[in-house]
Full PDB file with SEQRES, HELIX, SHEET, SSBOND, CRYST1, ORIGX, SCALE, CONECT and MASTER records, all heavy atoms in Angstrom:
SEQRES   1 A   36  LEU PRO ALA SER GLN LYS PHE ILE VAL HIS VAL LEU ASP          
SEQRES   2 A   36  GLY THR HIS MET PHE VAL GLN PRO HIS VAL ALA GLU MET          
SEQRES   3 A   36  ILE ARG SER LYS ILE ALA GLU PHE ARG ASP                      
HELIX    1 AA1 ALA A    3  GLN A    5  5                                   3    
HELIX    2 AA2 PRO A   21  VAL A   23  5                                   3    
HELIX    3 AA3 ALA A   24  ARG A   35  1                                  12    
SHEET    1 AA1 2 ILE A   8  ASP A  13  0                                        
SHEET    2 AA1 2 HIS A  16  VAL A  19 -1                                        
CRYST1    1.000    1.000    1.000  90.00  90.00  90.00 P 1           1          
ORIGX1      1.000000  0.000000  0.000000        0.00000                         
ORIGX2      0.000000  1.000000  0.000000        0.00000                         
ORIGX3      0.000000  0.000000  1.000000        0.00000                         
SCALE1      1.000000  0.000000  0.000000        0.00000                         
SCALE2      0.000000  1.000000  0.000000        0.00000                         
SCALE3      0.000000  0.000000  1.000000        0.00000                         
ATOM      1  N   LEU A   1      91.833 109.791 122.288  1.00  0.00           N  
ATOM      2  CA  LEU A   1      93.070 109.725 123.064  1.00  0.00           C  
ATOM      3  C   LEU A   1      93.732 111.098 123.158  1.00  0.00           C  
ATOM      4  O   LEU A   1      93.538 111.944 122.276  1.00  0.00           O  
ATOM      5  CB  LEU A   1      94.045 108.741 122.405  1.00  0.00           C  
ATOM      6  CG  LEU A   1      93.612 107.280 122.382  1.00  0.00           C  
ATOM      7  CD1 LEU A   1      94.600 106.460 121.563  1.00  0.00           C  
ATOM      8  CD2 LEU A   1      93.513 106.730 123.788  1.00  0.00           C  
ATOM      9  N   PRO A   2      94.545 111.322 124.196  1.00  0.00           N  
ATOM     10  CA  PRO A   2      95.314 112.569 124.262  1.00  0.00           C  
ATOM     11  C   PRO A   2      96.317 112.642 123.111  1.00  0.00           C  
ATOM     12  O   PRO A   2      96.681 111.617 122.531  1.00  0.00           O  
ATOM     13  CB  PRO A   2      96.047 112.483 125.606  1.00  0.00           C  
ATOM     14  CG  PRO A   2      95.641 111.219 126.256  1.00  0.00           C  
ATOM     15  CD  PRO A   2      94.736 110.468 125.340  1.00  0.00           C  
ATOM     16  N   ALA A   3      96.757 113.828 122.796  1.00  0.00           N  
ATOM     17  CA  ALA A   3      97.645 114.043 121.646  1.00  0.00           C  
ATOM     18  C   ALA A   3      98.913 113.199 121.718  1.00  0.00           C  
ATOM     19  O   ALA A   3      99.398 112.725 120.692  1.00  0.00           O  
ATOM     20  CB  ALA A   3      98.010 115.516 121.537  1.00  0.00           C  
ATOM     21  N   SER A   4      99.423 112.950 122.896  1.00  0.00           N  
ATOM     22  CA  SER A   4     100.665 112.179 123.023  1.00  0.00           C  
ATOM     23  C   SER A   4     100.467 110.693 122.745  1.00  0.00           C  
ATOM     24  O   SER A   4     101.442 109.973 122.531  1.00  0.00           O  
ATOM     25  CB  SER A   4     101.242 112.354 124.426  1.00  0.00           C  
ATOM     26  OG  SER A   4     100.344 111.827 125.397  1.00  0.00           O  
ATOM     27  N   GLN A   5      99.206 110.217 122.725  1.00  0.00           N  
ATOM     28  CA  GLN A   5      98.942 108.798 122.520  1.00  0.00           C  
ATOM     29  C   GLN A   5      98.270 108.494 121.183  1.00  0.00           C  
ATOM     30  O   GLN A   5      97.920 107.352 120.931  1.00  0.00           O  
ATOM     31  CB  GLN A   5      98.061 108.259 123.652  1.00  0.00           C  
ATOM     32  CG  GLN A   5      98.730 108.304 124.998  1.00  0.00           C  
ATOM     33  CD  GLN A   5      97.830 107.778 126.101  1.00  0.00           C  
ATOM     34  OE1 GLN A   5      96.669 107.468 125.876  1.00  0.00           O  
ATOM     35  NE2 GLN A   5      98.365 107.690 127.299  1.00  0.00           N  
ATOM     36  N   LYS A   6      98.078 109.494 120.344  1.00  0.00           N  
ATOM     37  CA  LYS A   6      97.443 109.260 119.048  1.00  0.00           C  
ATOM     38  C   LYS A   6      98.313 108.329 118.215  1.00  0.00           C  
ATOM     39  O   LYS A   6      99.532 108.435 118.218  1.00  0.00           O  
ATOM     40  CB  LYS A   6      97.185 110.563 118.331  1.00  0.00           C  
ATOM     41  CG  LYS A   6      96.161 111.420 119.079  1.00  0.00           C  
ATOM     42  CD  LYS A   6      95.553 112.444 118.201  1.00  0.00           C  
ATOM     43  CE  LYS A   6      94.631 113.353 118.961  1.00  0.00           C  
ATOM     44  NZ  LYS A   6      93.382 112.765 119.306  1.00  0.00           N  
ATOM     45  N   PHE A   7      97.675 107.395 117.506  1.00  0.00           N  
ATOM     46  CA  PHE A   7      98.421 106.332 116.833  1.00  0.00           C  
ATOM     47  C   PHE A   7      98.283 106.326 115.317  1.00  0.00           C  
ATOM     48  O   PHE A   7      99.027 105.639 114.643  1.00  0.00           O  
ATOM     49  CB  PHE A   7      98.012 104.965 117.383  1.00  0.00           C  
ATOM     50  CG  PHE A   7      96.528 104.689 117.312  1.00  0.00           C  
ATOM     51  CD1 PHE A   7      95.945 104.205 116.161  1.00  0.00           C  
ATOM     52  CD2 PHE A   7      95.724 104.927 118.413  1.00  0.00           C  
ATOM     53  CE1 PHE A   7      94.583 103.948 116.097  1.00  0.00           C  
ATOM     54  CE2 PHE A   7      94.370 104.670 118.371  1.00  0.00           C  
ATOM     55  CZ  PHE A   7      93.794 104.181 117.204  1.00  0.00           C  
ATOM     56  N   ILE A   8      97.345 107.069 114.749  1.00  0.00           N  
ATOM     57  CA  ILE A   8      97.202 107.095 113.290  1.00  0.00           C  
ATOM     58  C   ILE A   8      98.285 108.000 112.711  1.00  0.00           C  
ATOM     59  O   ILE A   8      98.371 109.173 113.048  1.00  0.00           O  
ATOM     60  CB  ILE A   8      95.803 107.564 112.858  1.00  0.00           C  
ATOM     61  CG1 ILE A   8      94.753 106.557 113.313  1.00  0.00           C  
ATOM     62  CG2 ILE A   8      95.747 107.753 111.339  1.00  0.00           C  
ATOM     63  CD1 ILE A   8      93.319 106.943 112.958  1.00  0.00           C  
ATOM     64  N   VAL A   9      99.101 107.421 111.833  1.00  0.00           N  
ATOM     65  CA  VAL A   9     100.147 108.187 111.171  1.00  0.00           C  
ATOM     66  C   VAL A   9      99.551 108.933 109.984  1.00  0.00           C  
ATOM     67  O   VAL A   9      99.785 110.124 109.807  1.00  0.00           O  
ATOM     68  CB  VAL A   9     101.301 107.260 110.710  1.00  0.00           C  
ATOM     69  CG1 VAL A   9     102.346 108.043 109.927  1.00  0.00           C  
ATOM     70  CG2 VAL A   9     101.928 106.559 111.907  1.00  0.00           C  
ATOM     71  N   HIS A  10      98.736 108.213 109.171  1.00  0.00           N  
ATOM     72  CA  HIS A  10      98.131 108.835 108.000  1.00  0.00           C  
ATOM     73  C   HIS A  10      96.907 108.039 107.564  1.00  0.00           C  
ATOM     74  O   HIS A  10      96.959 106.814 107.499  1.00  0.00           O  
ATOM     75  CB  HIS A  10      99.142 108.891 106.851  1.00  0.00           C  
ATOM     76  CG  HIS A  10      98.706 109.723 105.700  1.00  0.00           C  
ATOM     77  ND1 HIS A  10      98.656 111.092 105.762  1.00  0.00           N  
ATOM     78  CD2 HIS A  10      98.277 109.387 104.470  1.00  0.00           C  
ATOM     79  CE1 HIS A  10      98.223 111.551 104.596  1.00  0.00           C  
ATOM     80  NE2 HIS A  10      97.990 110.525 103.796  1.00  0.00           N  
ATOM     81  N   VAL A  11      95.803 108.748 107.292  1.00  0.00           N  
ATOM     82  CA  VAL A  11      94.618 108.117 106.712  1.00  0.00           C  
ATOM     83  C   VAL A  11      94.777 108.206 105.200  1.00  0.00           C  
ATOM     84  O   VAL A  11      94.838 109.304 104.640  1.00  0.00           O  
ATOM     85  CB  VAL A  11      93.323 108.812 107.182  1.00  0.00           C  
ATOM     86  CG1 VAL A  11      92.117 108.205 106.495  1.00  0.00           C  
ATOM     87  CG2 VAL A  11      93.180 108.721 108.694  1.00  0.00           C  
ATOM     88  N   LEU A  12      94.876 107.054 104.546  1.00  0.00           N  
ATOM     89  CA  LEU A  12      95.135 107.033 103.110  1.00  0.00           C  
ATOM     90  C   LEU A  12      93.875 107.275 102.298  1.00  0.00           C  
ATOM     91  O   LEU A  12      93.883 108.020 101.325  1.00  0.00           O  
ATOM     92  CB  LEU A  12      95.782 105.700 102.724  1.00  0.00           C  
ATOM     93  CG  LEU A  12      97.081 105.389 103.485  1.00  0.00           C  
ATOM     94  CD1 LEU A  12      97.529 103.973 103.218  1.00  0.00           C  
ATOM     95  CD2 LEU A  12      98.149 106.385 103.117  1.00  0.00           C  
ATOM     96  N   ASP A  13      92.791 106.609 102.677  1.00  0.00           N  
ATOM     97  CA  ASP A  13      91.472 106.848 102.082  1.00  0.00           C  
ATOM     98  C   ASP A  13      90.435 106.334 103.066  1.00  0.00           C  
ATOM     99  O   ASP A  13      90.758 106.064 104.221  1.00  0.00           O  
ATOM    100  CB  ASP A  13      91.342 106.212 100.688  1.00  0.00           C  
ATOM    101  CG  ASP A  13      91.506 104.700 100.679  1.00  0.00           C  
ATOM    102  OD1 ASP A  13      91.231 104.050 101.687  1.00  0.00           O  
ATOM    103  OD2 ASP A  13      91.901 104.166  99.624  1.00  0.00           O  
ATOM    104  N   GLY A  14      89.194 106.180 102.643  1.00  0.00           N  
ATOM    105  CA  GLY A  14      88.122 105.779 103.549  1.00  0.00           C  
ATOM    106  C   GLY A  14      88.244 104.382 104.123  1.00  0.00           C  
ATOM    107  O   GLY A  14      87.602 104.072 105.124  1.00  0.00           O  
ATOM    108  N   THR A  15      89.073 103.540 103.524  1.00  0.00           N  
ATOM    109  CA  THR A  15      89.180 102.162 103.995  1.00  0.00           C  
ATOM    110  C   THR A  15      90.610 101.724 104.317  1.00  0.00           C  
ATOM    111  O   THR A  15      90.828 100.569 104.659  1.00  0.00           O  
ATOM    112  CB  THR A  15      88.604 101.184 102.944  1.00  0.00           C  
ATOM    113  OG1 THR A  15      89.328 101.338 101.723  1.00  0.00           O  
ATOM    114  CG2 THR A  15      87.127 101.435 102.714  1.00  0.00           C  
ATOM    115  N   HIS A  16      91.572 102.633 104.225  1.00  0.00           N  
ATOM    116  CA  HIS A  16      92.972 102.294 104.495  1.00  0.00           C  
ATOM    117  C   HIS A  16      93.615 103.365 105.364  1.00  0.00           C  
ATOM    118  O   HIS A  16      93.398 104.558 105.133  1.00  0.00           O  
ATOM    119  CB  HIS A  16      93.772 102.176 103.194  1.00  0.00           C  
ATOM    120  CG  HIS A  16      93.281 101.096 102.294  1.00  0.00           C  
ATOM    121  ND1 HIS A  16      92.323 101.328 101.336  1.00  0.00           N  
ATOM    122  CD2 HIS A  16      93.607  99.791 102.220  1.00  0.00           C  
ATOM    123  CE1 HIS A  16      92.082 100.194 100.697  1.00  0.00           C  
ATOM    124  NE2 HIS A  16      92.842  99.247 101.225  1.00  0.00           N  
ATOM    125  N   MET A  17      94.397 102.922 106.338  1.00  0.00           N  
ATOM    126  CA  MET A  17      95.148 103.863 107.172  1.00  0.00           C  
ATOM    127  C   MET A  17      96.454 103.234 107.613  1.00  0.00           C  
ATOM    128  O   MET A  17      96.587 102.009 107.652  1.00  0.00           O  
ATOM    129  CB  MET A  17      94.319 104.324 108.364  1.00  0.00           C  
ATOM    130  CG  MET A  17      93.924 103.251 109.323  1.00  0.00           C  
ATOM    131  SD  MET A  17      92.825 103.853 110.620  1.00  0.00           S  
ATOM    132  CE  MET A  17      91.332 104.113 109.688  1.00  0.00           C  
ATOM    133  N   PHE A  18      97.404 104.073 107.934  1.00  0.00           N  
ATOM    134  CA  PHE A  18      98.727 103.660 108.371  1.00  0.00           C  
ATOM    135  C   PHE A  18      98.850 104.054 109.838  1.00  0.00           C  
ATOM    136  O   PHE A  18      98.673 105.226 110.181  1.00  0.00           O  
ATOM    137  CB  PHE A  18      99.784 104.358 107.515  1.00  0.00           C  
ATOM    138  CG  PHE A  18     101.171 103.828 107.684  1.00  0.00           C  
ATOM    139  CD1 PHE A  18     101.498 102.551 107.275  1.00  0.00           C  
ATOM    140  CD2 PHE A  18     102.163 104.618 108.238  1.00  0.00           C  
ATOM    141  CE1 PHE A  18     102.788 102.058 107.418  1.00  0.00           C  
ATOM    142  CE2 PHE A  18     103.449 104.145 108.386  1.00  0.00           C  
ATOM    143  CZ  PHE A  18     103.753 102.856 107.973  1.00  0.00           C  
ATOM    144  N   VAL A  19      99.118 103.076 110.715  1.00  0.00           N  
ATOM    145  CA  VAL A  19      99.170 103.341 112.152  1.00  0.00           C  
ATOM    146  C   VAL A  19     100.507 102.888 112.734  1.00  0.00           C  
ATOM    147  O   VAL A  19     101.231 102.098 112.131  1.00  0.00           O  
ATOM    148  CB  VAL A  19      98.017 102.639 112.910  1.00  0.00           C  
ATOM    149  CG1 VAL A  19      96.673 103.110 112.398  1.00  0.00           C  
ATOM    150  CG2 VAL A  19      98.119 101.129 112.826  1.00  0.00           C  
ATOM    151  N   GLN A  20     100.802 103.359 113.930  1.00  0.00           N  
ATOM    152  CA  GLN A  20     102.021 102.955 114.620  1.00  0.00           C  
ATOM    153  C   GLN A  20     101.927 101.478 114.998  1.00  0.00           C  
ATOM    154  O   GLN A  20     100.851 101.002 115.356  1.00  0.00           O  
ATOM    155  CB  GLN A  20     102.230 103.823 115.857  1.00  0.00           C  
ATOM    156  CG  GLN A  20     102.441 105.274 115.519  1.00  0.00           C  
ATOM    157  CD  GLN A  20     102.551 106.152 116.752  1.00  0.00           C  
ATOM    158  OE1 GLN A  20     102.428 105.692 117.877  1.00  0.00           O  
ATOM    159  NE2 GLN A  20     102.777 107.439 116.528  1.00  0.00           N  
ATOM    160  N   PRO A  21     103.037 100.754 114.936  1.00  0.00           N  
ATOM    161  CA  PRO A  21     102.993  99.301 115.135  1.00  0.00           C  
ATOM    162  C   PRO A  21     102.669  98.851 116.553  1.00  0.00           C  
ATOM    163  O   PRO A  21     102.131  97.763 116.746  1.00  0.00           O  
ATOM    164  CB  PRO A  21     104.390  98.837 114.731  1.00  0.00           C  
ATOM    165  CG  PRO A  21     105.252 100.033 114.856  1.00  0.00           C  
ATOM    166  CD  PRO A  21     104.371 101.218 114.579  1.00  0.00           C  
ATOM    167  N   HIS A  22     102.929  99.664 117.556  1.00  0.00           N  
ATOM    168  CA  HIS A  22     102.730  99.231 118.939  1.00  0.00           C  
ATOM    169  C   HIS A  22     101.257  99.196 119.369  1.00  0.00           C  
ATOM    170  O   HIS A  22     100.948  98.696 120.444  1.00  0.00           O  
ATOM    171  CB  HIS A  22     103.529 100.123 119.901  1.00  0.00           C  
ATOM    172  CG  HIS A  22     103.035 101.533 119.968  1.00  0.00           C  
ATOM    173  ND1 HIS A  22     103.396 102.480 119.035  1.00  0.00           N  
ATOM    174  CD2 HIS A  22     102.200 102.137 120.831  1.00  0.00           C  
ATOM    175  CE1 HIS A  22     102.809 103.623 119.339  1.00  0.00           C  
ATOM    176  NE2 HIS A  22     102.074 103.446 120.421  1.00  0.00           N  
ATOM    177  N   VAL A  23     100.343  99.686 118.548  1.00  0.00           N  
ATOM    178  CA  VAL A  23      98.929  99.723 118.927  1.00  0.00           C  
ATOM    179  C   VAL A  23      98.090  98.618 118.294  1.00  0.00           C  
ATOM    180  O   VAL A  23      96.880  98.575 118.498  1.00  0.00           O  
ATOM    181  CB  VAL A  23      98.294 101.096 118.597  1.00  0.00           C  
ATOM    182  CG1 VAL A  23      98.948 102.203 119.387  1.00  0.00           C  
ATOM    183  CG2 VAL A  23      98.347 101.379 117.121  1.00  0.00           C  
ATOM    184  N   ALA A  24      98.708  97.719 117.576  1.00  0.00           N  
ATOM    185  CA  ALA A  24      97.962  96.682 116.852  1.00  0.00           C  
ATOM    186  C   ALA A  24      97.078  95.859 117.780  1.00  0.00           C  
ATOM    187  O   ALA A  24      95.890  95.651 117.506  1.00  0.00           O  
ATOM    188  CB  ALA A  24      98.910  95.779 116.083  1.00  0.00           C  
ATOM    189  N   GLU A  25      97.635  95.401 118.892  1.00  0.00           N  
ATOM    190  CA  GLU A  25      96.858  94.564 119.809  1.00  0.00           C  
ATOM    191  C   GLU A  25      95.754  95.366 120.498  1.00  0.00           C  
ATOM    192  O   GLU A  25      94.662  94.860 120.736  1.00  0.00           O  
ATOM    193  CB  GLU A  25      97.782  93.912 120.842  1.00  0.00           C  
ATOM    194  CG  GLU A  25      97.122  92.797 121.617  1.00  0.00           C  
ATOM    195  CD  GLU A  25      96.526  91.711 120.733  1.00  0.00           C  
ATOM    196  OE1 GLU A  25      97.172  91.304 119.753  1.00  0.00           O  
ATOM    197  OE2 GLU A  25      95.393  91.266 121.014  1.00  0.00           O  
ATOM    198  N   MET A  26      96.019  96.626 120.817  1.00  0.00           N  
ATOM    199  CA  MET A  26      95.000  97.475 121.434  1.00  0.00           C  
ATOM    200  C   MET A  26      93.829  97.679 120.470  1.00  0.00           C  
ATOM    201  O   MET A  26      92.659  97.608 120.877  1.00  0.00           O  
ATOM    202  CB  MET A  26      95.609  98.823 121.830  1.00  0.00           C  
ATOM    203  CG  MET A  26      94.664  99.739 122.597  1.00  0.00           C  
ATOM    204  SD  MET A  26      93.660 100.883 121.626  1.00  0.00           S  
ATOM    205  CE  MET A  26      94.870 101.930 120.894  1.00  0.00           C  
ATOM    206  N   ILE A  27      94.108  97.898 119.201  1.00  0.00           N  
ATOM    207  CA  ILE A  27      93.044  98.074 118.211  1.00  0.00           C  
ATOM    208  C   ILE A  27      92.238  96.785 118.089  1.00  0.00           C  
ATOM    209  O   ILE A  27      91.007  96.820 118.072  1.00  0.00           O  
ATOM    210  CB  ILE A  27      93.624  98.498 116.839  1.00  0.00           C  
ATOM    211  CG1 ILE A  27      94.216  99.908 116.934  1.00  0.00           C  
ATOM    212  CG2 ILE A  27      92.553  98.435 115.759  1.00  0.00           C  
ATOM    213  CD1 ILE A  27      94.967 100.332 115.697  1.00  0.00           C  
ATOM    214  N   ARG A  28      92.916  95.647 118.038  1.00  0.00           N  
ATOM    215  CA  ARG A  28      92.209  94.353 117.965  1.00  0.00           C  
ATOM    216  C   ARG A  28      91.288  94.157 119.160  1.00  0.00           C  
ATOM    217  O   ARG A  28      90.151  93.710 119.011  1.00  0.00           O  
ATOM    218  CB  ARG A  28      93.201  93.207 117.879  1.00  0.00           C  
ATOM    219  CG  ARG A  28      93.835  93.043 116.534  1.00  0.00           C  
ATOM    220  CD  ARG A  28      94.666  91.762 116.475  1.00  0.00           C  
ATOM    221  NE  ARG A  28      95.435  91.723 115.262  1.00  0.00           N  
ATOM    222  CZ  ARG A  28      96.738  91.965 115.189  1.00  0.00           C  
ATOM    223  NH1 ARG A  28      97.431  92.249 116.271  1.00  0.00           N  
ATOM    224  NH2 ARG A  28      97.366  91.923 114.035  1.00  0.00           N  
ATOM    225  N   SER A  29      91.767  94.470 120.361  1.00  0.00           N  
ATOM    226  CA  SER A  29      90.944  94.260 121.557  1.00  0.00           C  
ATOM    227  C   SER A  29      89.760  95.218 121.592  1.00  0.00           C  
ATOM    228  O   SER A  29      88.650  94.817 121.968  1.00  0.00           O  
ATOM    229  CB  SER A  29      91.787  94.394 122.821  1.00  0.00           C  
ATOM    230  OG  SER A  29      92.243  95.708 123.000  1.00  0.00           O  
ATOM    231  N   LYS A  30      89.944  96.464 121.177  1.00  0.00           N  
ATOM    232  CA  LYS A  30      88.831  97.429 121.144  1.00  0.00           C  
ATOM    233  C   LYS A  30      87.787  97.016 120.109  1.00  0.00           C  
ATOM    234  O   LYS A  30      86.583  97.158 120.345  1.00  0.00           O  
ATOM    235  CB  LYS A  30      89.336  98.840 120.844  1.00  0.00           C  
ATOM    236  CG  LYS A  30      90.179  99.439 121.931  1.00  0.00           C  
ATOM    237  CD  LYS A  30      89.362  99.754 123.157  1.00  0.00           C  
ATOM    238  CE  LYS A  30      90.210 100.503 124.169  1.00  0.00           C  
ATOM    239  NZ  LYS A  30      89.464 100.836 125.376  1.00  0.00           N  
ATOM    240  N   ILE A  31      88.222  96.495 118.973  1.00  0.00           N  
ATOM    241  CA  ILE A  31      87.282  96.020 117.956  1.00  0.00           C  
ATOM    242  C   ILE A  31      86.525  94.809 118.484  1.00  0.00           C  
ATOM    243  O   ILE A  31      85.311  94.702 118.285  1.00  0.00           O  
ATOM    244  CB  ILE A  31      88.019  95.701 116.635  1.00  0.00           C  
ATOM    245  CG1 ILE A  31      88.485  96.996 115.971  1.00  0.00           C  
ATOM    246  CG2 ILE A  31      87.127  94.904 115.693  1.00  0.00           C  
ATOM    247  CD1 ILE A  31      89.379  96.801 114.773  1.00  0.00           C  
ATOM    248  N   ALA A  32      87.213  93.908 119.182  1.00  0.00           N  
ATOM    249  CA  ALA A  32      86.546  92.735 119.756  1.00  0.00           C  
ATOM    250  C   ALA A  32      85.498  93.159 120.786  1.00  0.00           C  
ATOM    251  O   ALA A  32      84.381  92.623 120.807  1.00  0.00           O  
ATOM    252  CB  ALA A  32      87.573  91.805 120.383  1.00  0.00           C  
ATOM    253  N   GLU A  33      85.832  94.132 121.633  1.00  0.00           N  
ATOM    254  CA  GLU A  33      84.861  94.655 122.605  1.00  0.00           C  
ATOM    255  C   GLU A  33      83.657  95.262 121.896  1.00  0.00           C  
ATOM    256  O   GLU A  33      82.512  95.034 122.295  1.00  0.00           O  
ATOM    257  CB  GLU A  33      85.506  95.724 123.484  1.00  0.00           C  
ATOM    258  CG  GLU A  33      86.478  95.225 124.499  1.00  0.00           C  
ATOM    259  CD  GLU A  33      87.145  96.363 125.256  1.00  0.00           C  
ATOM    260  OE1 GLU A  33      86.588  97.483 125.311  1.00  0.00           O  
ATOM    261  OE2 GLU A  33      88.244  96.126 125.786  1.00  0.00           O  
ATOM    262  N   PHE A  34      83.928  96.047 120.864  1.00  0.00           N  
ATOM    263  CA  PHE A  34      82.853  96.685 120.097  1.00  0.00           C  
ATOM    264  C   PHE A  34      81.927  95.642 119.475  1.00  0.00           C  
ATOM    265  O   PHE A  34      80.713  95.755 119.547  1.00  0.00           O  
ATOM    266  CB  PHE A  34      83.468  97.576 119.015  1.00  0.00           C  
ATOM    267  CG  PHE A  34      82.470  98.257 118.128  1.00  0.00           C  
ATOM    268  CD1 PHE A  34      81.691  99.290 118.603  1.00  0.00           C  
ATOM    269  CD2 PHE A  34      82.324  97.873 116.805  1.00  0.00           C  
ATOM    270  CE1 PHE A  34      80.777  99.928 117.781  1.00  0.00           C  
ATOM    271  CE2 PHE A  34      81.418  98.498 115.973  1.00  0.00           C  
ATOM    272  CZ  PHE A  34      80.642  99.534 116.471  1.00  0.00           C  
ATOM    273  N   ARG A  35      82.500  94.608 118.895  1.00  0.00           N  
ATOM    274  CA  ARG A  35      81.700  93.545 118.281  1.00  0.00           C  
ATOM    275  C   ARG A  35      80.902  92.775 119.330  1.00  0.00           C  
ATOM    276  O   ARG A  35      79.760  92.398 119.091  1.00  0.00           O  
ATOM    277  CB  ARG A  35      82.579  92.603 117.478  1.00  0.00           C  
ATOM    278  CG  ARG A  35      83.057  93.227 116.199  1.00  0.00           C  
ATOM    279  CD  ARG A  35      83.836  92.245 115.374  1.00  0.00           C  
ATOM    280  NE  ARG A  35      84.210  92.844 114.096  1.00  0.00           N  
ATOM    281  CZ  ARG A  35      85.152  92.388 113.324  1.00  0.00           C  
ATOM    282  NH1 ARG A  35      85.855  91.327 113.672  1.00  0.00           N  
ATOM    283  NH2 ARG A  35      85.425  92.992 112.186  1.00  0.00           N  
ATOM    284  N   ASP A  36      81.512  92.519 120.486  1.00  0.00           N  
ATOM    285  CA  ASP A  36      80.799  91.813 121.554  1.00  0.00           C  
ATOM    286  C   ASP A  36      79.605  92.627 122.055  1.00  0.00           C  
ATOM    287  O   ASP A  36      78.548  92.069 122.355  1.00  0.00           O  
ATOM    288  CB  ASP A  36      81.732  91.506 122.722  1.00  0.00           C  
ATOM    289  CG  ASP A  36      82.744  90.423 122.394  1.00  0.00           C  
ATOM    290  OD1 ASP A  36      82.530  89.684 121.394  1.00  0.00           O  
ATOM    291  OD2 ASP A  36      83.747  90.316 123.125  1.00  0.00           O  
TER     292      ASP A  36                                                      
MASTER        0    0    0    3    2    0    0    6  291    1    0    3          
END                                                                             
């Protein structure tokens, strides 16, 4: 994504990250597409 749309606030470790709340549904849909 362009710099103005980046959503990861902080990567805590290899399996945990803190993201902005407005992207939750977008992440879910992209993961669903990836799995499909």
